[in-house]
């Protein structure tokens, strides 16, 4: 098994099992709730996973256009934020959770997943050794609005990473972490998923 096959095998579990199951088994009203004042909603987590993957793979790996910008999702999602959510206040999480158009979020996620598969299938493994320069990181994170204002430290955090690390982090590790978080939130809401 090569690296592409391994990534796609784990990615299928993430998308076709975990994320699909969340969409199918959690009622909309519970997706929007925060079961405790110290946790995010399921909706916020699904949006955050999708934003990180969309920007992470389309901007850090291929220097392409985000799905957010291709399908008018900035308008369709019905939220004012372009960033990926790190550092949001719980008041902002509540606003996002109640405002966001869930069918649009689900479609956005599906299109991001399809793009991720295309990107990974087209990758030359040698490309994964390349790094993203600091100026490009600044442009993506700060100028293009992936990071919230005041999150300039993300530039330093991602400096020196190779594209393989971006791919594994933004495409798998990060998403699986939040899938586990969604499972905990669901249990706090009284769901057995």
C-alpha atoms as a PDB file:
ATOM      1  CA  UNK A   1       0.000   0.000   0.000  1.00  0.00           C
ATOM      2  CA  UNK A   2       1.375   3.412  -0.908  1.00  0.00           C
ATOM      3  CA  UNK A   3       0.869   6.680   0.981  1.00  0.00           C
ATOM      4  CA  UNK A   4      -2.006   7.802  -1.251  1.00  0.00           C
ATOM      5  CA  UNK A   5      -3.908   4.560  -0.705  1.00  0.00           C
ATOM      6  CA  UNK A   6      -3.289   4.734   3.041  1.00  0.00           C
ATOM      7  CA  UNK A   7      -4.534   8.339   3.254  1.00  0.00           C
ATOM      8  CA  UNK A   8      -7.655   7.570   1.197  1.00  0.00           C
ATOM      9  CA  UNK A   9      -8.402   4.469   3.262  1.00  0.00           C
ATOM     10  CA  UNK A  10      -8.394   6.439   6.519  1.00  0.00           C
ATOM     11  CA  UNK A  11     -10.166   9.380   4.873  1.00  0.00           C
ATOM     12  CA  UNK A  12     -13.008   7.087   3.787  1.00  0.00           C
ATOM     13  CA  UNK A  13     -13.500   6.021   7.416  1.00  0.00           C
ATOM     14  CA  UNK A  14     -13.598   9.658   8.503  1.00  0.00           C
ATOM     15  CA  UNK A  15     -16.064  10.780   5.815  1.00  0.00           C
ATOM     16  CA  UNK A  16     -18.182   7.724   5.068  1.00  0.00           C
ATOM     17  CA  UNK A  17     -18.489   6.491   8.622  1.00  0.00           C
ATOM     18  CA  UNK A  18     -18.023   9.256  11.186  1.00  0.00           C
ATOM     19  CA  UNK A  19     -19.108  12.442   9.430  1.00  0.00           C
ATOM     20  CA  UNK A  20     -21.881  10.777   7.410  1.00  0.00           C
ATOM     21  CA  UNK A  21     -23.168   9.130  10.590  1.00  0.00           C
ATOM     22  CA  UNK A  22     -23.256  12.464  12.437  1.00  0.00           C
ATOM     23  CA  UNK A  23     -25.343  14.021   9.661  1.00  0.00           C
ATOM     24  CA  UNK A  24     -27.722  11.058   9.544  1.00  0.00           C
ATOM     25  CA  UNK A  25     -28.221  10.431  13.246  1.00  0.00           C
ATOM     26  CA  UNK A  26     -28.161  13.796  15.044  1.00  0.00           C
ATOM     27  CA  UNK A  27     -31.303  15.953  14.933  1.00  0.00           C
ATOM     28  CA  UNK A  28     -30.784  19.520  13.723  1.00  0.00           C
ATOM     29  CA  UNK A  29     -31.856  21.126  16.993  1.00  0.00           C
ATOM     30  CA  UNK A  30     -29.265  19.095  18.902  1.00  0.00           C
ATOM     31  CA  UNK A  31     -26.532  19.818  16.356  1.00  0.00           C
ATOM     32  CA  UNK A  32     -26.903  23.524  17.148  1.00  0.00           C
ATOM     33  CA  UNK A  33     -26.786  23.180  20.960  1.00  0.00           C
ATOM     34  CA  UNK A  34     -23.835  23.432  23.321  1.00  0.00           C
ATOM     35  CA  UNK A  35     -24.533  20.951  26.148  1.00  0.00           C
ATOM     36  CA  UNK A  36     -22.169  22.746  28.498  1.00  0.00           C
ATOM     37  CA  UNK A  37     -21.000  26.377  28.646  1.00  0.00           C
ATOM     38  CA  UNK A  38     -17.404  25.209  28.062  1.00  0.00           C
ATOM     39  CA  UNK A  39     -17.856  23.218  24.827  1.00  0.00           C
ATOM     40  CA  UNK A  40     -18.651  23.997  21.205  1.00  0.00           C
ATOM     41  CA  UNK A  41     -21.659  22.709  19.291  1.00  0.00           C
ATOM     42  CA  UNK A  42     -21.632  19.814  16.836  1.00  0.00           C
ATOM     43  CA  UNK A  43     -22.481  22.317  14.101  1.00  0.00           C
ATOM     44  CA  UNK A  44     -19.462  24.437  14.965  1.00  0.00           C
ATOM     45  CA  UNK A  45     -17.198  21.381  14.877  1.00  0.00           C
ATOM     46  CA  UNK A  46     -18.492  20.256  11.462  1.00  0.00           C
ATOM     47  CA  UNK A  47     -18.029  23.778  10.081  1.00  0.00           C
ATOM     48  CA  UNK A  48     -14.536  24.065  11.592  1.00  0.00           C
ATOM     49  CA  UNK A  49     -13.410  20.678  10.223  1.00  0.00           C
ATOM     50  CA  UNK A  50     -14.626  21.688   6.776  1.00  0.00           C
ATOM     51  CA  UNK A  51     -13.028  25.145   6.811  1.00  0.00           C
ATOM     52  CA  UNK A  52      -9.648  23.798   7.939  1.00  0.00           C
ATOM     53  CA  UNK A  53      -9.674  21.055   5.309  1.00  0.00           C
ATOM     54  CA  UNK A  54     -10.862  23.329   2.502  1.00  0.00           C
ATOM     55  CA  UNK A  55      -8.284  26.029   3.142  1.00  0.00           C
ATOM     56  CA  UNK A  56      -5.558  23.668   4.309  1.00  0.00           C
ATOM     57  CA  UNK A  57      -5.509  21.463   1.243  1.00  0.00           C
ATOM     58  CA  UNK A  58      -6.520  23.979  -1.415  1.00  0.00           C
ATOM     59  CA  UNK A  59      -4.195  26.750  -0.239  1.00  0.00           C
ATOM     60  CA  UNK A  60      -1.302  24.978   1.524  1.00  0.00           C
ATOM     61  CA  UNK A  61      -0.964  21.868  -0.674  1.00  0.00           C
ATOM     62  CA  UNK A  62      -2.014  23.008  -4.170  1.00  0.00           C
ATOM     63  CA  UNK A  63      -2.203  26.818  -3.994  1.00  0.00           C
ATOM     64  CA  UNK A  64      -5.648  26.449  -5.558  1.00  0.00           C
ATOM     65  CA  UNK A  65      -9.030  28.055  -4.959  1.00  0.00           C
ATOM     66  CA  UNK A  66     -11.083  27.114  -1.920  1.00  0.00           C
ATOM     67  CA  UNK A  67     -14.495  25.503  -2.362  1.00  0.00           C
ATOM     68  CA  UNK A  68     -15.779  28.318  -0.117  1.00  0.00           C
ATOM     69  CA  UNK A  69     -14.981  30.742  -2.940  1.00  0.00           C
ATOM     70  CA  UNK A  70     -16.189  28.612  -5.852  1.00  0.00           C
ATOM     71  CA  UNK A  71     -19.725  27.688  -4.897  1.00  0.00           C
ATOM     72  CA  UNK A  72     -20.913  30.955  -3.360  1.00  0.00           C
ATOM     73  CA  UNK A  73     -20.712  29.219   0.002  1.00  0.00           C
ATOM     74  CA  UNK A  74     -19.695  32.460   1.712  1.00  0.00           C
ATOM     75  CA  UNK A  75     -23.281  33.621   1.094  1.00  0.00           C
ATOM     76  CA  UNK A  76     -25.058  30.275   1.251  1.00  0.00           C
ATOM     77  CA  UNK A  77     -23.737  29.376   4.698  1.00  0.00           C
ATOM     78  CA  UNK A  78     -25.350  32.549   6.094  1.00  0.00           C
ATOM     79  CA  UNK A  79     -22.482  33.440   8.418  1.00  0.00           C
ATOM     80  CA  UNK A  80     -20.169  36.464   8.331  1.00  0.00           C
ATOM     81  CA  UNK A  81     -16.917  34.605   9.014  1.00  0.00           C
ATOM     82  CA  UNK A  82     -14.275  33.530   6.522  1.00  0.00           C
ATOM     83  CA  UNK A  83     -11.749  32.293   9.063  1.00  0.00           C
ATOM     84  CA  UNK A  84     -11.643  28.746  10.427  1.00  0.00           C
ATOM     85  CA  UNK A  85     -12.832  29.447  13.963  1.00  0.00           C
ATOM     86  CA  UNK A  86      -9.822  29.077  16.221  1.00  0.00           C
ATOM     87  CA  UNK A  87     -10.222  31.520  19.100  1.00  0.00           C
ATOM     88  CA  UNK A  88     -13.926  32.231  18.644  1.00  0.00           C
ATOM     89  CA  UNK A  89     -15.789  33.270  21.772  1.00  0.00           C
ATOM     90  CA  UNK A  90     -18.674  31.096  22.924  1.00  0.00           C
ATOM     91  CA  UNK A  91     -21.037  33.937  21.993  1.00  0.00           C
ATOM     92  CA  UNK A  92     -19.680  33.718  18.422  1.00  0.00           C
ATOM     93  CA  UNK A  93     -19.970  29.927  18.503  1.00  0.00           C
ATOM     94  CA  UNK A  94     -23.623  30.301  19.538  1.00  0.00           C
ATOM     95  CA  UNK A  95     -24.262  32.818  16.761  1.00  0.00           C
ATOM     96  CA  UNK A  96     -22.639  30.591  14.140  1.00  0.00           C
ATOM     97  CA  UNK A  97     -24.470  27.515  15.437  1.00  0.00           C
ATOM     98  CA  UNK A  98     -27.871  29.174  15.158  1.00  0.00           C
ATOM     99  CA  UNK A  99     -27.312  31.159  11.936  1.00  0.00           C
ATOM    100  CA  UNK A 100     -25.563  28.674   9.688  1.00  0.00           C
ATOM    101  CA  UNK A 101     -27.585  27.000   6.952  1.00  0.00           C
ATOM    102  CA  UNK A 102     -27.128  23.297   7.723  1.00  0.00           C
ATOM    103  CA  UNK A 103     -28.031  21.936   4.248  1.00  0.00           C
ATOM    104  CA  UNK A 104     -25.471  24.367   2.771  1.00  0.00           C
ATOM    105  CA  UNK A 105     -22.879  23.249   5.345  1.00  0.00           C
ATOM    106  CA  UNK A 106     -23.514  19.602   4.481  1.00  0.00           C
ATOM    107  CA  UNK A 107     -23.137  20.319   0.757  1.00  0.00           C
ATOM    108  CA  UNK A 108     -20.018  22.414   1.401  1.00  0.00           C
ATOM    109  CA  UNK A 109     -18.530  19.494   3.338  1.00  0.00           C
ATOM    110  CA  UNK A 110     -19.369  17.036   0.538  1.00  0.00           C
ATOM    111  CA  UNK A 111     -17.702  19.239  -2.057  1.00  0.00           C
ATOM    112  CA  UNK A 112     -14.622  19.709   0.124  1.00  0.00           C
ATOM    113  CA  UNK A 113     -14.377  15.929   0.582  1.00  0.00           C
ATOM    114  CA  UNK A 114     -14.610  15.360  -3.185  1.00  0.00           C
ATOM    115  CA  UNK A 115     -11.897  17.970  -3.780  1.00  0.00           C
ATOM    116  CA  UNK A 116      -9.658  16.429  -1.110  1.00  0.00           C
ATOM    117  CA  UNK A 117      -9.886  13.041  -2.834  1.00  0.00           C
ATOM    118  CA  UNK A 118      -8.969  14.648  -6.168  1.00  0.00           C
ATOM    119  CA  UNK A 119      -6.029  16.505  -4.668  1.00  0.00           C
ATOM    120  CA  UNK A 120      -4.656  13.399  -2.976  1.00  0.00           C
ATOM    121  CA  UNK A 121      -5.051  11.212  -6.070  1.00  0.00           C
ATOM    122  CA  UNK A 122      -3.181  13.790  -8.189  1.00  0.00           C
ATOM    123  CA  UNK A 123      -0.294  14.301  -5.753  1.00  0.00           C
ATOM    124  CA  UNK A 124       3.213  13.286  -6.633  1.00  0.00           C
ATOM    125  CA  UNK A 125       4.696  11.978  -3.366  1.00  0.00           C
ATOM    126  CA  UNK A 126       7.812  14.088  -4.025  1.00  0.00           C
ATOM    127  CA  UNK A 127       5.638  17.221  -3.782  1.00  0.00           C
ATOM    128  CA  UNK A 128       4.935  16.462  -0.129  1.00  0.00           C
ATOM    129  CA  UNK A 129       8.522  17.287   0.819  1.00  0.00           C
ATOM    130  CA  UNK A 130       8.076  20.932  -0.204  1.00  0.00           C
ATOM    131  CA  UNK A 131       7.450  23.664   2.346  1.00  0.00           C
ATOM    132  CA  UNK A 132       5.323  26.800   2.256  1.00  0.00           C
ATOM    133  CA  UNK A 133       7.264  30.031   2.622  1.00  0.00           C
ATOM    134  CA  UNK A 134       6.545  32.486   5.423  1.00  0.00           C
ATOM    135  CA  UNK A 135       5.232  35.183   3.051  1.00  0.00           C
ATOM    136  CA  UNK A 136       2.759  32.749   1.502  1.00  0.00           C
ATOM    137  CA  UNK A 137       1.700  31.620   4.978  1.00  0.00           C
ATOM    138  CA  UNK A 138       1.080  35.267   5.910  1.00  0.00           C
ATOM    139  CA  UNK A 139      -0.943  35.796   2.747  1.00  0.00           C
ATOM    140  CA  UNK A 140      -3.119  32.711   3.317  1.00  0.00           C
ATOM    141  CA  UNK A 141      -3.610  33.135   7.047  1.00  0.00           C
ATOM    142  CA  UNK A 142      -3.719  36.899   7.478  1.00  0.00           C
ATOM    143  CA  UNK A 143      -4.467  38.550   4.129  1.00  0.00           C
ATOM    144  CA  UNK A 144      -6.978  35.957   2.909  1.00  0.00           C
ATOM    145  CA  UNK A 145      -8.588  35.709   6.339  1.00  0.00           C
ATOM    146  CA  UNK A 146      -8.107  32.063   7.254  1.00  0.00           C
ATOM    147  CA  UNK A 147      -6.912  33.175  10.694  1.00  0.00           C
ATOM    148  CA  UNK A 148      -8.965  35.485  12.879  1.00  0.00           C
ATOM    149  CA  UNK A 149      -7.560  38.955  13.543  1.00  0.00           C
ATOM    150  CA  UNK A 150      -5.058  38.621  16.366  1.00  0.00           C
ATOM    151  CA  UNK A 151      -4.084  35.058  15.433  1.00  0.00           C
ATOM    152  CA  UNK A 152      -0.762  36.026  13.830  1.00  0.00           C
ATOM    153  CA  UNK A 153       0.927  33.310  15.897  1.00  0.00           C
ATOM    154  CA  UNK A 154      -0.451  30.727  13.457  1.00  0.00           C
ATOM    155  CA  UNK A 155       2.137  31.898  10.912  1.00  0.00           C
ATOM    156  CA  UNK A 156       4.953  30.916  13.259  1.00  0.00           C
ATOM    157  CA  UNK A 157       3.156  27.697  14.200  1.00  0.00           C
ATOM    158  CA  UNK A 158       2.986  26.505  10.575  1.00  0.00           C
ATOM    159  CA  UNK A 159       6.429  27.767   9.489  1.00  0.00           C
ATOM    160  CA  UNK A 160       8.736  24.950   8.434  1.00  0.00           C
ATOM    161  CA  UNK A 161       6.067  22.304   7.970  1.00  0.00           C
ATOM    162  CA  UNK A 162       6.350  20.260   4.806  1.00  0.00           C
ATOM    163  CA  UNK A 163       3.292  19.647   2.651  1.00  0.00           C
ATOM    164  CA  UNK A 164       3.032  16.059   3.877  1.00  0.00           C
ATOM    165  CA  UNK A 165       2.532  17.344   7.405  1.00  0.00           C
ATOM    166  CA  UNK A 166      -0.111  19.812   6.213  1.00  0.00           C
ATOM    167  CA  UNK A 167      -1.875  17.013   4.346  1.00  0.00           C
ATOM    168  CA  UNK A 168      -1.943  14.614   7.279  1.00  0.00           C
ATOM    169  CA  UNK A 169      -2.807  17.313   9.820  1.00  0.00           C
ATOM    170  CA  UNK A 170      -5.519  19.192   7.903  1.00  0.00           C
ATOM    171  CA  UNK A 171      -6.878  16.160   6.069  1.00  0.00           C
ATOM    172  CA  UNK A 172      -6.921  13.531   8.808  1.00  0.00           C
ATOM    173  CA  UNK A 173      -5.506  14.176  12.281  1.00  0.00           C
ATOM    174  CA  UNK A 174      -7.341  17.425  12.948  1.00  0.00           C
ATOM    175  CA  UNK A 175     -10.648  16.056  11.648  1.00  0.00           C
ATOM    176  CA  UNK A 176     -10.440  12.821  13.635  1.00  0.00           C
ATOM    177  CA  UNK A 177      -9.738  14.869  16.776  1.00  0.00           C
ATOM    178  CA  UNK A 178     -12.926  16.862  16.238  1.00  0.00           C
ATOM    179  CA  UNK A 179     -14.908  13.744  15.297  1.00  0.00           C
ATOM    180  CA  UNK A 180     -14.045  12.419  18.757  1.00  0.00           C
ATOM    181  CA  UNK A 181     -15.130  15.730  20.248  1.00  0.00           C
ATOM    182  CA  UNK A 182     -18.455  15.467  18.397  1.00  0.00           C
ATOM    183  CA  UNK A 183     -18.961  12.011  19.911  1.00  0.00           C
ATOM    184  CA  UNK A 184     -18.458  13.424  23.405  1.00  0.00           C
ATOM    185  CA  UNK A 185     -20.799  16.360  22.724  1.00  0.00           C
ATOM    186  CA  UNK A 186     -23.431  13.956  21.407  1.00  0.00           C
ATOM    187  CA  UNK A 187     -23.200  11.862  24.569  1.00  0.00           C
ATOM    188  CA  UNK A 188     -23.572  15.023  26.689  1.00  0.00           C
ATOM    189  CA  UNK A 189     -26.726  15.751  24.699  1.00  0.00           C
ATOM    190  CA  UNK A 190     -28.042  12.300  25.617  1.00  0.00           C
ATOM    191  CA  UNK A 191     -27.478  10.701  22.213  1.00  0.00           C
ATOM    192  CA  UNK A 192     -26.088   7.251  21.596  1.00  0.00           C
ATOM    193  CA  UNK A 193     -24.297   7.435  18.285  1.00  0.00           C
END
